[in-house]
Amino acid sequence: MSGKLREYFNKQPRLGVISTSSKDGKADCAVYGSPQMIDEKTVIVALARGRTFANLEENPHAVFMIMEPAAGVLDWKGIRVYLKMLEYATSGPKLETYKSQMAKVVGEPAAGMIAVLATFEVTEVRPLIDFGQDWEKSI
């Protein structure tokens, strides 16, 4: 993946939606601001112990969608980043360091909700609205 993807993915402020599915197909979508692309193919996400994490424990595949208004009122741009969870930490120094860093940014109460730090591999990137163009043309 290109540096352009990492730059767009990490742009702040921004929110996106993570979509997951349990092993029996029960879908979930949740709004997240925490996903960060740490290199061209790796994303980390801070999670609570909610439905998103429960689904990921059963099915490691997810999609993170970033959407933003473009030029016109009905004009939107963005991407869909397909992910596969590689590992997660529910305790230990990696999680505690991340929570400590986040507490400085979002405050102690919000950082206290973080129970999991998950690492994902980027498996595919597609435009938000796909007319056959490359994803780069949709941001």
Protein backbone atom coordinates (compact mmCIF):
# COMPACT_ATOMS: atom_id res chain seq x y z
CA MET A 1 0.00 0.00 0.00
CA SER A 2 1.14 3.54 -0.58
CA GLY A 3 2.12 6.33 1.78
CA LYS A 4 -0.92 8.18 0.44
CA LEU A 5 -3.17 5.58 2.10
CA ARG A 6 -1.45 5.95 5.46
CA GLU A 7 -1.66 9.75 5.27
CA TYR A 8 -5.39 9.68 4.41
CA PHE A 9 -6.17 6.96 6.96
CA ASN A 10 -4.50 8.84 9.83
CA LYS A 11 -5.79 12.32 8.94
CA GLN A 12 -7.41 14.01 11.95
CA PRO A 13 -10.00 14.86 12.88
CA ARG A 14 -11.87 11.96 11.34
CA LEU A 15 -14.28 9.22 12.28
CA GLY A 16 -14.99 5.99 10.53
CA VAL A 17 -17.19 2.95 10.88
CA ILE A 18 -15.88 -0.52 11.69
CA SER A 19 -18.10 -3.32 10.43
CA THR A 20 -17.73 -6.85 11.79
CA SER A 21 -19.69 -10.08 11.72
CA SER A 22 -19.88 -12.95 14.18
CA LYS A 23 -19.28 -16.52 13.01
CA ASP A 24 -23.04 -16.96 12.59
CA GLY A 25 -23.37 -13.80 10.48
CA LYS A 26 -24.64 -11.32 13.09
CA ALA A 27 -23.41 -7.96 11.82
CA ASP A 28 -22.23 -4.97 13.82
CA CYS A 29 -21.17 -1.44 12.88
CA ALA A 30 -19.54 0.97 15.30
CA VAL A 31 -18.13 4.49 15.02
CA TYR A 32 -14.42 4.73 15.84
CA GLY A 33 -11.82 7.47 15.85
CA SER A 34 -8.96 5.39 17.26
CA PRO A 35 -7.76 3.26 14.31
CA GLN A 36 -4.23 4.22 13.31
CA MET A 37 -2.21 2.93 10.38
CA ILE A 38 1.28 2.38 11.80
CA ASP A 39 2.89 1.27 8.54
CA GLU A 40 1.74 0.64 4.98
CA LYS A 41 -0.06 -2.60 5.84
CA THR A 42 -0.72 -2.55 9.61
CA VAL A 43 -3.55 -0.92 11.57
CA ILE A 44 -4.02 -0.81 15.35
CA VAL A 45 -7.41 -0.27 16.97
CA ALA A 46 -8.32 0.35 20.61
CA LEU A 47 -11.49 -1.49 21.58
CA ALA A 48 -13.80 -1.93 24.54
CA ARG A 49 -15.12 -5.39 25.39
CA GLY A 50 -18.25 -4.92 23.29
CA ARG A 51 -19.89 -6.52 20.31
CA THR A 52 -17.14 -5.42 17.89
CA PHE A 53 -14.47 -7.28 19.85
CA ALA A 54 -16.74 -10.29 20.46
CA ASN A 55 -17.32 -10.56 16.71
CA LEU A 56 -13.60 -10.23 15.98
CA GLU A 57 -12.82 -13.07 18.38
CA GLU A 58 -15.13 -15.29 16.31
CA ASN A 59 -14.33 -13.86 12.87
CA PRO A 60 -11.13 -11.82 12.41
CA HIS A 61 -12.32 -9.96 9.30
CA ALA A 62 -13.55 -6.36 9.39
CA VAL A 63 -14.01 -3.27 7.25
CA PHE A 64 -13.14 0.29 8.30
CA MET A 65 -14.95 2.92 6.22
CA ILE A 66 -13.82 6.53 6.19
CA MET A 67 -16.33 8.99 4.73
CA GLU A 68 -16.21 12.74 4.24
CA PRO A 69 -18.12 15.34 2.26
CA ALA A 70 -16.60 16.34 -1.04
CA ALA A 71 -17.38 19.38 -3.18
CA GLY A 72 -21.17 19.13 -3.52
CA VAL A 73 -23.90 18.60 -0.96
CA LEU A 74 -24.61 15.08 -2.23
CA ASP A 75 -20.98 14.39 -3.09
CA TRP A 76 -19.04 12.10 -0.73
CA LYS A 77 -15.58 10.66 -0.85
CA GLY A 78 -13.81 8.01 1.16
CA ILE A 79 -12.48 4.49 1.24
CA ARG A 80 -13.22 1.04 2.55
CA VAL A 81 -10.21 -0.59 4.19
CA TYR A 82 -10.58 -4.36 4.57
CA LEU A 83 -8.78 -5.77 7.60
CA LYS A 84 -7.86 -9.09 9.19
CA MET A 85 -7.08 -9.17 12.91
CA LEU A 86 -3.66 -10.71 13.49
CA GLU A 87 -3.41 -10.41 17.28
CA TYR A 88 -4.78 -8.58 20.27
CA ALA A 89 -3.67 -7.67 23.79
CA THR A 90 -6.07 -7.54 26.74
CA SER A 91 -3.29 -6.90 29.24
CA GLY A 92 0.41 -6.19 29.39
CA PRO A 93 2.81 -3.36 28.65
CA LYS A 94 1.71 -2.76 25.05
CA LEU A 95 -1.90 -2.12 26.10
CA GLU A 96 -0.96 -0.08 29.19
CA THR A 97 1.44 2.13 27.20
CA TYR A 98 -1.26 2.78 24.61
CA LYS A 99 -3.87 3.60 27.28
CA SER A 100 -1.45 5.98 28.98
CA GLN A 101 -0.77 7.79 25.71
CA MET A 102 -4.48 7.99 24.90
CA ALA A 103 -5.31 9.37 28.35
CA LYS A 104 -3.21 12.43 27.48
CA VAL A 105 -5.23 12.96 24.29
CA VAL A 106 -8.80 11.93 25.18
CA GLY A 107 -8.71 12.02 28.98
CA GLU A 108 -8.69 9.34 31.69
CA PRO A 109 -12.39 8.37 31.50
CA ALA A 110 -12.27 7.67 27.75
CA ALA A 111 -8.91 5.89 27.99
CA GLY A 112 -10.33 3.79 30.83
CA MET A 113 -12.83 2.27 28.38
CA ILE A 114 -10.01 0.73 26.35
CA ALA A 115 -9.79 -2.97 27.15
CA VAL A 116 -8.17 -4.34 23.98
CA LEU A 117 -5.47 -3.24 21.57
CA ALA A 118 -5.91 -5.14 18.30
CA THR A 119 -3.47 -5.35 15.40
CA PHE A 120 -4.80 -5.83 11.87
CA GLU A 121 -3.35 -6.48 8.45
CA VAL A 122 -4.76 -4.44 5.56
CA THR A 123 -6.00 -6.98 3.01
CA GLU A 124 -7.69 -4.71 0.47
CA VAL A 125 -8.62 -1.07 -0.13
CA ARG A 126 -11.61 -0.02 -2.22
CA PRO A 127 -13.32 3.28 -3.00
CA LEU A 128 -16.29 4.21 -0.82
CA ILE A 129 -18.43 4.40 -3.96
CA ASP A 130 -16.98 2.05 -6.53
CA PHE A 131 -17.38 2.89 -10.22
CA GLY A 132 -14.32 0.85 -11.17
CA GLN A 133 -11.85 3.62 -10.30
CA ASP A 134 -8.78 3.06 -8.12
CA TRP A 135 -9.22 3.93 -4.45
CA GLU A 136 -6.73 6.80 -4.86
CA LYS A 137 -9.25 8.62 -7.05
CA SER A 138 -11.90 8.48 -4.33
CA ILE A 139 -10.09 10.50 -1.67
